[in-house]
Amino acid sequence: MPAISSDMNRAETPPTSPWSVKMENEYLLLRPLCQADFDELFQAAADPLIWEQHPDSNRYQLESFTKYFAGAVESGTAYVIVNKSDNAIIGSTRYYDYNIEDSQVAIGYTFIIRKYWGTDYNKCLKRMMLNHAFDFVDNVIFHVGAGNIRSQKAIRKTGAEFESQNGDKMLFKLSRQKWLLTCNLPE
């Protein structure tokens, strides 16, 4: 994996899939999701309050979570989020909809247990994912449910701007240039 440079220059030669490499910082380890992660990730996802504003508000239930997990494994670009202090899985995220012609990728399907909402862990997760993405693309997009105010606020804190809405899905976009101006992720 290319190192994330302080000036965020693009890597000279990206790996075969830059969207499925292990990443870490002082707080978190992001490693590719595997089938063996099901039980521990389901345990992390089993809190109904995590999903209360999500379009699939039943994702804390086994049937809905099983579909989410199967899609994550199938994508090949999903990660488990591991707290390095105790090696516990505290959530999941993924890259998707990579478009080389438009030089963009989406980040989403993200959840993190409530204990870490609004903490340095959450900020470090966003920073790590965005720094890595901007080593390879010029734009990152986010799809957010129209009723998911919590996620909309979190996405806006990255500097992403509202682009459009289609039904109950909102599209936000963050350019590499804007990220360079806002990458401190204000409170």
N, C-alpha and C. Protein backbone atom coordinates (compact mmCIF):
# COMPACT_ATOMS: atom_id res chain seq x y z
N MET A 1 0.84 -1.18 0.00
CA MET A 1 0.00 0.00 0.00
C MET A 1 0.88 1.24 0.00
N PRO A 2 0.55 2.22 -0.83
CA PRO A 2 1.33 3.44 -0.81
C PRO A 2 1.09 4.18 0.49
N ALA A 3 2.12 4.81 1.00
CA ALA A 3 1.97 5.58 2.23
C ALA A 3 1.14 6.81 1.94
N ILE A 4 0.35 7.22 2.92
CA ILE A 4 -0.41 8.44 2.78
C ILE A 4 0.55 9.59 3.06
N SER A 5 0.81 10.35 2.04
CA SER A 5 1.80 11.41 2.17
C SER A 5 1.19 12.62 2.85
N SER A 6 2.02 13.40 3.49
CA SER A 6 1.51 14.56 4.20
C SER A 6 0.91 15.58 3.25
N ASP A 7 1.41 15.64 2.01
CA ASP A 7 0.84 16.58 1.07
C ASP A 7 -0.21 15.92 0.18
N MET A 8 -0.52 14.65 0.47
CA MET A 8 -1.56 13.89 -0.21
C MET A 8 -1.36 13.80 -1.71
N ASN A 9 -0.12 13.75 -2.18
CA ASN A 9 0.12 13.52 -3.60
C ASN A 9 -0.33 12.12 -3.95
N ARG A 10 -0.71 11.92 -5.19
CA ARG A 10 -1.12 10.61 -5.63
C ARG A 10 0.04 9.64 -5.61
N ALA A 11 -0.29 8.40 -5.34
CA ALA A 11 0.72 7.35 -5.38
C ALA A 11 1.13 7.11 -6.84
N GLU A 12 2.37 6.80 -7.06
CA GLU A 12 2.86 6.55 -8.41
C GLU A 12 2.25 5.29 -9.01
N THR A 13 2.24 4.20 -8.28
CA THR A 13 1.69 2.96 -8.78
C THR A 13 0.76 2.33 -7.74
N PRO A 14 -0.55 2.50 -7.94
CA PRO A 14 -1.48 1.94 -6.98
C PRO A 14 -1.48 0.42 -7.02
N PRO A 15 -1.82 -0.22 -5.91
CA PRO A 15 -1.92 -1.68 -5.91
C PRO A 15 -3.07 -2.10 -6.83
N THR A 16 -3.19 -3.40 -7.08
CA THR A 16 -4.24 -3.90 -7.95
C THR A 16 -5.59 -3.32 -7.56
N SER A 17 -5.94 -3.33 -6.29
CA SER A 17 -7.16 -2.71 -5.81
C SER A 17 -6.83 -1.83 -4.61
N PRO A 18 -6.78 -0.54 -4.82
CA PRO A 18 -6.48 0.33 -3.68
C PRO A 18 -7.62 0.38 -2.67
N TRP A 19 -8.74 -0.23 -2.99
CA TRP A 19 -9.92 -0.14 -2.14
C TRP A 19 -10.06 -1.33 -1.20
N SER A 20 -9.03 -2.17 -1.11
CA SER A 20 -9.12 -3.32 -0.19
C SER A 20 -7.77 -3.61 0.47
N VAL A 21 -7.14 -2.56 0.94
CA VAL A 21 -5.85 -2.69 1.62
C VAL A 21 -6.02 -2.38 3.10
N LYS A 22 -5.18 -2.95 3.91
CA LYS A 22 -5.20 -2.67 5.35
C LYS A 22 -4.70 -1.25 5.59
N MET A 23 -5.37 -0.54 6.51
CA MET A 23 -4.97 0.83 6.88
C MET A 23 -5.03 0.93 8.39
N GLU A 24 -4.20 1.80 8.95
CA GLU A 24 -4.30 2.03 10.38
C GLU A 24 -3.75 3.40 10.75
N ASN A 25 -4.18 3.85 11.91
CA ASN A 25 -3.66 5.07 12.51
C ASN A 25 -3.49 4.79 14.00
N GLU A 26 -3.32 5.82 14.81
CA GLU A 26 -3.05 5.58 16.23
C GLU A 26 -4.20 4.90 16.96
N TYR A 27 -5.43 5.09 16.52
CA TYR A 27 -6.60 4.54 17.20
C TYR A 27 -7.18 3.29 16.56
N LEU A 28 -7.14 3.25 15.23
CA LEU A 28 -7.93 2.28 14.48
C LEU A 28 -7.12 1.45 13.51
N LEU A 29 -7.60 0.26 13.30
CA LEU A 29 -7.13 -0.62 12.23
C LEU A 29 -8.33 -0.87 11.33
N LEU A 30 -8.17 -0.62 10.05
CA LEU A 30 -9.17 -1.00 9.06
C LEU A 30 -8.59 -2.15 8.28
N ARG A 31 -9.26 -3.29 8.33
CA ARG A 31 -8.80 -4.43 7.57
C ARG A 31 -9.97 -4.97 6.76
N PRO A 32 -9.66 -5.58 5.61
CA PRO A 32 -10.74 -6.10 4.78
C PRO A 32 -11.64 -7.06 5.57
N LEU A 33 -12.92 -6.88 5.39
CA LEU A 33 -13.94 -7.72 6.02
C LEU A 33 -13.85 -9.13 5.48
N CYS A 34 -14.03 -10.11 6.35
CA CYS A 34 -14.09 -11.51 5.91
C CYS A 34 -15.26 -12.20 6.59
N GLN A 35 -15.62 -13.35 6.08
CA GLN A 35 -16.78 -14.10 6.58
C GLN A 35 -16.68 -14.36 8.09
N ALA A 36 -15.49 -14.59 8.58
CA ALA A 36 -15.28 -14.90 10.00
C ALA A 36 -15.64 -13.72 10.91
N ASP A 37 -15.83 -12.53 10.35
CA ASP A 37 -16.16 -11.35 11.15
C ASP A 37 -17.65 -11.24 11.47
N PHE A 38 -18.48 -12.14 10.92
CA PHE A 38 -19.93 -11.98 11.03
C PHE A 38 -20.40 -11.81 12.47
N ASP A 39 -20.08 -12.73 13.35
CA ASP A 39 -20.63 -12.70 14.71
C ASP A 39 -20.25 -11.43 15.46
N GLU A 40 -18.98 -11.07 15.42
CA GLU A 40 -18.55 -9.89 16.17
C GLU A 40 -19.11 -8.60 15.56
N LEU A 41 -19.20 -8.55 14.22
CA LEU A 41 -19.76 -7.36 13.59
C LEU A 41 -21.26 -7.27 13.85
N PHE A 42 -21.95 -8.39 13.84
CA PHE A 42 -23.38 -8.36 14.16
C PHE A 42 -23.60 -7.88 15.59
N GLN A 43 -22.75 -8.31 16.49
CA GLN A 43 -22.85 -7.85 17.87
C GLN A 43 -22.70 -6.32 17.94
N ALA A 44 -21.77 -5.77 17.18
CA ALA A 44 -21.58 -4.32 17.15
C ALA A 44 -22.79 -3.62 16.52
N ALA A 45 -23.42 -4.25 15.54
CA ALA A 45 -24.54 -3.65 14.81
C ALA A 45 -25.89 -3.84 15.48
N ALA A 46 -25.95 -4.59 16.56
CA ALA A 46 -27.22 -5.01 17.16
C ALA A 46 -27.91 -3.93 17.99
N ASP A 47 -27.42 -2.72 17.96
CA ASP A 47 -28.02 -1.62 18.70
C ASP A 47 -29.02 -0.89 17.79
N PRO A 48 -30.33 -0.96 18.09
CA PRO A 48 -31.32 -0.31 17.22
C PRO A 48 -31.10 1.20 17.04
N LEU A 49 -30.50 1.86 18.03
CA LEU A 49 -30.30 3.31 17.92
C LEU A 49 -29.28 3.68 16.83
N ILE A 50 -28.38 2.77 16.50
CA ILE A 50 -27.44 3.02 15.40
C ILE A 50 -28.21 3.23 14.10
N TRP A 51 -29.30 2.49 13.93
CA TRP A 51 -30.01 2.44 12.66
C TRP A 51 -31.30 3.26 12.63
N GLU A 52 -31.63 3.96 13.72
CA GLU A 52 -32.94 4.61 13.80
C GLU A 52 -33.19 5.63 12.70
N GLN A 53 -32.18 6.29 12.16
CA GLN A 53 -32.38 7.27 11.08
C GLN A 53 -32.00 6.70 9.71
N HIS A 54 -31.55 5.48 9.68
CA HIS A 54 -31.10 4.84 8.45
C HIS A 54 -32.31 4.36 7.64
N PRO A 55 -32.24 4.40 6.30
CA PRO A 55 -33.34 3.89 5.49
C PRO A 55 -33.68 2.42 5.80
N ASP A 56 -32.70 1.61 6.17
CA ASP A 56 -32.96 0.23 6.59
C ASP A 56 -32.83 0.20 8.12
N SER A 57 -33.87 0.67 8.78
CA SER A 57 -33.81 0.81 10.23
C SER A 57 -33.87 -0.51 10.98
N ASN A 58 -34.04 -1.61 10.26
CA ASN A 58 -34.05 -2.94 10.88
C ASN A 58 -32.70 -3.64 10.78
N ARG A 59 -31.68 -2.94 10.40
CA ARG A 59 -30.38 -3.58 10.18
C ARG A 59 -29.79 -4.19 11.45
N TYR A 60 -30.29 -3.84 12.60
CA TYR A 60 -29.85 -4.44 13.86
C TYR A 60 -30.42 -5.85 14.03
N GLN A 61 -31.39 -6.21 13.20
CA GLN A 61 -31.99 -7.54 13.25
C GLN A 61 -31.24 -8.49 12.32
N LEU A 62 -31.21 -9.75 12.70
CA LEU A 62 -30.39 -10.75 12.00
C LEU A 62 -30.66 -10.81 10.50
N GLU A 63 -31.91 -10.86 10.08
CA GLU A 63 -32.22 -11.01 8.66
C GLU A 63 -31.70 -9.84 7.83
N SER A 64 -31.95 -8.64 8.29
CA SER A 64 -31.49 -7.46 7.57
C SER A 64 -29.97 -7.35 7.61
N PHE A 65 -29.38 -7.61 8.77
CA PHE A 65 -27.92 -7.54 8.89
C PHE A 65 -27.25 -8.58 7.99
N THR A 66 -27.83 -9.76 7.89
CA THR A 66 -27.25 -10.82 7.05
C THR A 66 -27.16 -10.37 5.60
N LYS A 67 -28.18 -9.66 5.10
CA LYS A 67 -28.14 -9.13 3.73
C LYS A 67 -27.05 -8.07 3.60
N TYR A 68 -26.97 -7.18 4.58
CA TYR A 68 -25.94 -6.15 4.59
C TYR A 68 -24.55 -6.79 4.57
N PHE A 69 -24.34 -7.77 5.42
CA PHE A 69 -23.04 -8.42 5.53
C PHE A 69 -22.68 -9.15 4.24
N ALA A 70 -23.63 -9.86 3.65
CA ALA A 70 -23.37 -10.59 2.39
C ALA A 70 -22.94 -9.61 1.29
N GLY A 71 -23.63 -8.47 1.20
CA GLY A 71 -23.26 -7.46 0.22
C GLY A 71 -21.87 -6.88 0.48
N ALA A 72 -21.55 -6.72 1.75
CA ALA A 72 -20.23 -6.19 2.12
C ALA A 72 -19.13 -7.16 1.72
N VAL A 73 -19.31 -8.43 2.04
CA VAL A 73 -18.30 -9.44 1.68
C VAL A 73 -18.17 -9.52 0.16
N GLU A 74 -19.30 -9.54 -0.52
CA GLU A 74 -19.30 -9.65 -1.99
C GLU A 74 -18.61 -8.46 -2.64
N SER A 75 -18.70 -7.28 -2.04
CA SER A 75 -18.12 -6.08 -2.64
C SER A 75 -16.60 -6.18 -2.75
N GLY A 76 -15.97 -6.87 -1.81
CA GLY A 76 -14.52 -6.97 -1.80
C GLY A 76 -13.83 -5.68 -1.37
N THR A 77 -14.61 -4.67 -0.99
CA THR A 77 -14.04 -3.37 -0.62
C THR A 77 -14.53 -2.91 0.75
N ALA A 78 -15.09 -3.84 1.52
CA ALA A 78 -15.60 -3.51 2.85
C ALA A 78 -14.53 -3.77 3.90
N TYR A 79 -14.61 -3.02 4.97
CA TYR A 79 -13.66 -3.11 6.06
C TYR A 79 -14.38 -3.32 7.38
N VAL A 80 -13.70 -3.96 8.31
CA VAL A 80 -14.11 -3.89 9.70
C VAL A 80 -13.26 -2.80 10.33
N ILE A 81 -13.86 -2.10 11.26
CA ILE A 81 -13.19 -1.05 12.01
C ILE A 81 -12.83 -1.64 13.36
N VAL A 82 -11.54 -1.70 13.66
CA VAL A 82 -11.05 -2.34 14.88
C VAL A 82 -10.43 -1.28 15.79
N ASN A 83 -10.87 -1.25 17.04
CA ASN A 83 -10.27 -0.40 18.05
C ASN A 83 -8.93 -1.03 18.43
N LYS A 84 -7.84 -0.34 18.17
CA LYS A 84 -6.51 -0.92 18.43
C LYS A 84 -6.23 -1.12 19.92
N SER A 85 -6.90 -0.38 20.79
CA SER A 85 -6.60 -0.52 22.23
C SER A 85 -7.07 -1.85 22.80
N ASP A 86 -8.13 -2.44 22.22
CA ASP A 86 -8.62 -3.72 22.75
C ASP A 86 -8.92 -4.75 21.66
N ASN A 87 -8.60 -4.42 20.40
CA ASN A 87 -8.83 -5.30 19.25
C ASN A 87 -10.29 -5.66 19.02
N ALA A 88 -11.21 -4.85 19.51
CA ALA A 88 -12.63 -5.10 19.31
C ALA A 88 -13.09 -4.50 17.99
N ILE A 89 -13.96 -5.21 17.29
CA ILE A 89 -14.60 -4.67 16.09
C ILE A 89 -15.67 -3.69 16.55
N ILE A 90 -15.58 -2.45 16.07
CA ILE A 90 -16.52 -1.42 16.50
C ILE A 90 -17.37 -0.88 15.36
N GLY A 91 -17.24 -1.46 14.16
CA GLY A 91 -18.06 -1.02 13.05
C GLY A 91 -17.54 -1.52 11.73
N SER A 92 -18.10 -0.94 10.67
CA SER A 92 -17.71 -1.32 9.32
C SER A 92 -17.90 -0.13 8.39
N THR A 93 -17.19 -0.16 7.28
CA THR A 93 -17.29 0.87 6.25
C THR A 93 -16.83 0.26 4.94
N ARG A 94 -17.04 0.97 3.86
CA ARG A 94 -16.51 0.48 2.59
C ARG A 94 -16.39 1.58 1.55
N TYR A 95 -15.54 1.30 0.58
CA TYR A 95 -15.47 2.08 -0.65
C TYR A 95 -16.35 1.36 -1.65
N TYR A 96 -16.98 2.11 -2.55
CA TYR A 96 -17.79 1.50 -3.61
C TYR A 96 -17.97 2.49 -4.75
N ASP A 97 -18.54 2.02 -5.83
CA ASP A 97 -18.81 2.85 -7.02
C ASP A 97 -17.57 3.59 -7.53
N TYR A 98 -16.44 2.90 -7.55
CA TYR A 98 -15.21 3.49 -8.09
C TYR A 98 -15.41 3.75 -9.57
N ASN A 99 -15.11 4.98 -9.99
CA ASN A 99 -15.26 5.38 -11.38
C ASN A 99 -13.96 6.04 -11.83
N ILE A 100 -13.17 5.29 -12.57
CA ILE A 100 -11.85 5.79 -12.97
C ILE A 100 -11.96 6.98 -13.92
N GLU A 101 -12.97 6.97 -14.82
CA GLU A 101 -13.12 8.07 -15.78
C GLU A 101 -13.45 9.39 -15.08
N ASP A 102 -14.32 9.33 -14.06
CA ASP A 102 -14.68 10.54 -13.31
C ASP A 102 -13.75 10.80 -12.13
N SER A 103 -12.79 9.91 -11.94
CA SER A 103 -11.83 10.00 -10.84
C SER A 103 -12.55 10.20 -9.51
N GLN A 104 -13.47 9.24 -9.22
CA GLN A 104 -14.19 9.32 -7.96
C GLN A 104 -14.53 7.95 -7.41
N VAL A 105 -14.74 7.93 -6.12
CA VAL A 105 -15.16 6.73 -5.42
C VAL A 105 -16.13 7.17 -4.33
N ALA A 106 -17.02 6.28 -3.95
CA ALA A 106 -17.95 6.56 -2.86
C ALA A 106 -17.44 5.90 -1.58
N ILE A 107 -17.72 6.53 -0.45
CA ILE A 107 -17.48 5.95 0.86
C ILE A 107 -18.83 5.87 1.55
N GLY A 108 -19.10 4.71 2.12
CA GLY A 108 -20.39 4.58 2.79
C GLY A 108 -20.59 3.22 3.42
N TYR A 109 -21.85 2.89 3.63
CA TYR A 109 -22.24 1.68 4.35
C TYR A 109 -21.54 1.65 5.71
N THR A 110 -21.31 2.83 6.25
CA THR A 110 -20.51 2.96 7.47
C THR A 110 -21.40 2.98 8.71
N PHE A 111 -20.98 2.24 9.70
CA PHE A 111 -21.56 2.40 11.02
C PHE A 111 -20.46 2.18 12.04
N ILE A 112 -20.63 2.82 13.17
CA ILE A 112 -19.70 2.69 14.27
C ILE A 112 -20.54 2.66 15.55
N ILE A 113 -20.15 1.89 16.53
CA ILE A 113 -20.96 1.79 17.73
C ILE A 113 -21.06 3.15 18.42
N ARG A 114 -22.17 3.36 19.11
CA ARG A 114 -22.48 4.69 19.66
C ARG A 114 -21.42 5.23 20.60
N LYS A 115 -20.75 4.37 21.29
CA LYS A 115 -19.71 4.81 22.23
C LYS A 115 -18.67 5.71 21.54
N TYR A 116 -18.49 5.56 20.23
CA TYR A 116 -17.46 6.28 19.49
C TYR A 116 -18.00 7.44 18.67
N TRP A 117 -19.31 7.66 18.67
CA TRP A 117 -19.88 8.78 17.93
C TRP A 117 -19.31 10.08 18.47
N GLY A 118 -18.92 10.97 17.56
CA GLY A 118 -18.44 12.29 17.95
C GLY A 118 -17.09 12.30 18.64
N THR A 119 -16.36 11.20 18.59
CA THR A 119 -15.06 11.11 19.27
C THR A 119 -13.91 11.22 18.26
N ASP A 120 -12.70 11.23 18.79
CA ASP A 120 -11.53 11.22 17.92
C ASP A 120 -11.48 9.97 17.05
N TYR A 121 -12.04 8.87 17.53
CA TYR A 121 -12.07 7.64 16.74
C TYR A 121 -12.82 7.87 15.43
N ASN A 122 -13.99 8.48 15.53
CA ASN A 122 -14.80 8.73 14.34
C ASN A 122 -14.09 9.69 13.39
N LYS A 123 -13.50 10.75 13.93
CA LYS A 123 -12.76 11.71 13.10
C LYS A 123 -11.57 11.03 12.42
N CYS A 124 -10.86 10.20 13.17
CA CYS A 124 -9.70 9.50 12.60
C CYS A 124 -10.12 8.53 11.51
N LEU A 125 -11.27 7.90 11.68
CA LEU A 125 -11.79 7.00 10.65
C LEU A 125 -12.03 7.78 9.36
N LYS A 126 -12.74 8.88 9.45
CA LYS A 126 -13.03 9.69 8.26
C LYS A 126 -11.74 10.18 7.62
N ARG A 127 -10.84 10.69 8.44
CA ARG A 127 -9.57 11.22 7.93
C ARG A 127 -8.79 10.13 7.19
N MET A 128 -8.71 8.95 7.79
CA MET A 128 -7.96 7.85 7.17
C MET A 128 -8.58 7.43 5.83
N MET A 129 -9.89 7.28 5.82
CA MET A 129 -10.57 6.87 4.59
C MET A 129 -10.42 7.91 3.49
N LEU A 130 -10.57 9.17 3.84
CA LEU A 130 -10.47 10.23 2.84
C LEU A 130 -9.04 10.43 2.36
N ASN A 131 -8.07 10.43 3.26
CA ASN A 131 -6.68 10.55 2.84
C ASN A 131 -6.32 9.44 1.86
N HIS A 132 -6.73 8.23 2.16
CA HIS A 132 -6.43 7.11 1.26
C HIS A 132 -7.12 7.30 -0.08
N ALA A 133 -8.38 7.65 -0.06
CA ALA A 133 -9.12 7.83 -1.32
C ALA A 133 -8.47 8.89 -2.19
N PHE A 134 -8.06 10.00 -1.57
CA PHE A 134 -7.49 11.09 -2.36
C PHE A 134 -6.07 10.81 -2.84
N ASP A 135 -5.50 9.69 -2.45
CA ASP A 135 -4.26 9.23 -3.09
C ASP A 135 -4.54 8.70 -4.50
N PHE A 136 -5.83 8.40 -4.80
CA PHE A 136 -6.17 7.74 -6.06
C PHE A 136 -7.22 8.44 -6.89
N VAL A 137 -8.04 9.28 -6.28
CA VAL A 137 -9.13 9.94 -7.02
C VAL A 137 -9.18 11.42 -6.67
N ASP A 138 -9.94 12.16 -7.48
CA ASP A 138 -10.10 13.59 -7.26
C ASP A 138 -11.36 13.93 -6.46
N ASN A 139 -12.32 13.00 -6.42
CA ASN A 139 -13.59 13.27 -5.76
C ASN A 139 -14.07 12.05 -4.98
N VAL A 140 -14.68 12.32 -3.84
CA VAL A 140 -15.33 11.28 -3.04
C VAL A 140 -16.79 11.67 -2.92
N ILE A 141 -17.66 10.69 -3.13
CA ILE A 141 -19.09 10.95 -2.99
C ILE A 141 -19.65 10.14 -1.82
N PHE A 142 -20.74 10.64 -1.28
CA PHE A 142 -21.42 10.00 -0.17
C PHE A 142 -22.91 9.97 -0.48
N HIS A 143 -23.54 8.82 -0.34
CA HIS A 143 -24.99 8.70 -0.46
C HIS A 143 -25.55 8.61 0.96
N VAL A 144 -26.50 9.48 1.26
CA VAL A 144 -27.05 9.54 2.62
C VAL A 144 -28.56 9.58 2.53
N GLY A 145 -29.22 8.83 3.40
CA GLY A 145 -30.67 8.86 3.46
C GLY A 145 -31.16 10.26 3.84
N ALA A 146 -32.23 10.71 3.20
CA ALA A 146 -32.76 12.05 3.45
C ALA A 146 -33.17 12.24 4.91
N GLY A 147 -33.58 11.18 5.57
CA GLY A 147 -33.97 11.27 6.97
C GLY A 147 -32.84 11.05 7.95
N ASN A 148 -31.65 10.80 7.44
CA ASN A 148 -30.51 10.51 8.32
C ASN A 148 -29.74 11.80 8.60
N ILE A 149 -30.31 12.62 9.47
CA ILE A 149 -29.73 13.93 9.79
C ILE A 149 -28.35 13.79 10.43
N ARG A 150 -28.19 12.80 11.27
CA ARG A 150 -26.91 12.57 11.95
C ARG A 150 -25.79 12.36 10.93
N SER A 151 -26.02 11.50 9.93
CA SER A 151 -25.00 11.25 8.91
C SER A 151 -24.78 12.47 8.03
N GLN A 152 -25.85 13.19 7.72
CA GLN A 152 -25.69 14.40 6.91
C GLN A 152 -24.78 15.40 7.60
N LYS A 153 -24.97 15.59 8.91
CA LYS A 153 -24.11 16.52 9.66
C LYS A 153 -22.66 16.04 9.66
N ALA A 154 -22.45 14.74 9.85
CA ALA A 154 -21.09 14.20 9.87
C ALA A 154 -20.41 14.38 8.52
N ILE A 155 -21.14 14.14 7.44
CA ILE A 155 -20.59 14.29 6.09
C ILE A 155 -20.24 15.75 5.81
N ARG A 156 -21.12 16.66 6.22
CA ARG A 156 -20.85 18.09 5.99
C ARG A 156 -19.59 18.55 6.73
N LYS A 157 -19.29 17.95 7.88
CA LYS A 157 -18.08 18.33 8.63
C LYS A 157 -16.80 18.02 7.86
N THR A 158 -16.86 17.11 6.90
CA THR A 158 -15.67 16.81 6.09
C THR A 158 -15.42 17.89 5.05
N GLY A 159 -16.43 18.75 4.81
CA GLY A 159 -16.34 19.74 3.74
C GLY A 159 -17.16 19.34 2.53
N ALA A 160 -17.73 18.13 2.55
CA ALA A 160 -18.56 17.68 1.42
C ALA A 160 -19.77 18.58 1.29
N GLU A 161 -20.19 18.77 0.05
CA GLU A 161 -21.33 19.63 -0.23
C GLU A 161 -22.45 18.84 -0.87
N PHE A 162 -23.67 19.25 -0.57
CA PHE A 162 -24.85 18.64 -1.16
C PHE A 162 -24.83 18.85 -2.66
N GLU A 163 -25.06 17.76 -3.41
CA GLU A 163 -25.08 17.84 -4.87
C GLU A 163 -26.49 17.67 -5.44
N SER A 164 -27.21 16.65 -4.95
CA SER A 164 -28.53 16.36 -5.51
C SER A 164 -29.29 15.42 -4.58
N GLN A 165 -30.57 15.27 -4.90
CA GLN A 165 -31.40 14.32 -4.16
C GLN A 165 -32.26 13.57 -5.16
N ASN A 166 -32.34 12.24 -4.97
CA ASN A 166 -33.17 11.38 -5.79
C ASN A 166 -34.01 10.56 -4.83
N GLY A 167 -35.28 10.91 -4.71
CA GLY A 167 -36.14 10.22 -3.75
C GLY A 167 -35.64 10.45 -2.34
N ASP A 168 -35.41 9.36 -1.62
CA ASP A 168 -34.95 9.50 -0.23
C ASP A 168 -33.43 9.43 -0.10
N LYS A 169 -32.71 9.50 -1.23
CA LYS A 169 -31.24 9.48 -1.20
C LYS A 169 -30.66 10.83 -1.57
N MET A 170 -29.76 11.30 -0.72
CA MET A 170 -29.05 12.56 -0.99
C MET A 170 -27.62 12.22 -1.40
N LEU A 171 -27.08 13.02 -2.31
CA LEU A 171 -25.71 12.84 -2.78
C LEU A 171 -24.89 14.04 -2.33
N PHE A 172 -23.77 13.75 -1.66
CA PHE A 172 -22.81 14.77 -1.26
C PHE A 172 -21.50 14.48 -1.97
N LYS A 173 -20.74 15.52 -2.25
CA LYS A 173 -19.48 15.35 -2.96
C LYS A 173 -18.39 16.18 -2.30
N LEU A 174 -17.22 15.60 -2.21
CA LEU A 174 -16.05 16.28 -1.65
C LEU A 174 -14.92 16.15 -2.66
N SER A 175 -14.37 17.28 -3.05
CA SER A 175 -13.24 17.26 -3.98
C SER A 175 -11.94 17.18 -3.19
N ARG A 176 -10.93 16.67 -3.84
CA ARG A 176 -9.60 16.61 -3.22
C ARG A 176 -9.13 18.00 -2.81
N GLN A 177 -9.36 18.97 -3.69
CA GLN A 177 -8.96 20.35 -3.42
C GLN A 177 -9.65 20.88 -2.16
N LYS A 178 -10.95 20.65 -2.03
CA LYS A 178 -11.68 21.12 -0.84
C LYS A 178 -11.18 20.38 0.40
N TRP A 179 -10.90 19.09 0.28
CA TRP A 179 -10.40 18.32 1.42
C TRP A 179 -9.08 18.89 1.93
N LEU A 180 -8.22 19.29 1.02
CA LEU A 180 -6.95 19.88 1.43
C LEU A 180 -7.15 21.15 2.26
N LEU A 181 -8.26 21.83 2.04
CA LEU A 181 -8.56 23.05 2.80
C LEU A 181 -9.25 22.76 4.13
N THR A 182 -9.92 21.60 4.24
CA THR A 182 -10.75 21.33 5.43
C THR A 182 -10.37 20.07 6.18
N CYS A 183 -9.25 19.47 5.88
CA CYS A 183 -8.95 18.14 6.40
C CYS A 183 -8.68 18.08 7.90
N ASN A 184 -8.79 19.18 8.61
CA ASN A 184 -8.65 19.12 10.06
C ASN A 184 -9.90 18.64 10.76
N LEU A 185 -10.98 18.46 10.03
CA LEU A 185 -12.27 18.00 10.57
C LEU A 185 -12.64 18.72 11.86
N PRO A 186 -13.22 19.92 11.72
CA PRO A 186 -13.58 20.68 12.91
C PRO A 186 -14.61 19.95 13.76
N GLU A 187 -14.68 20.35 15.02
CA GLU A 187 -15.64 19.75 15.96
C GLU A 187 -17.06 19.96 15.49
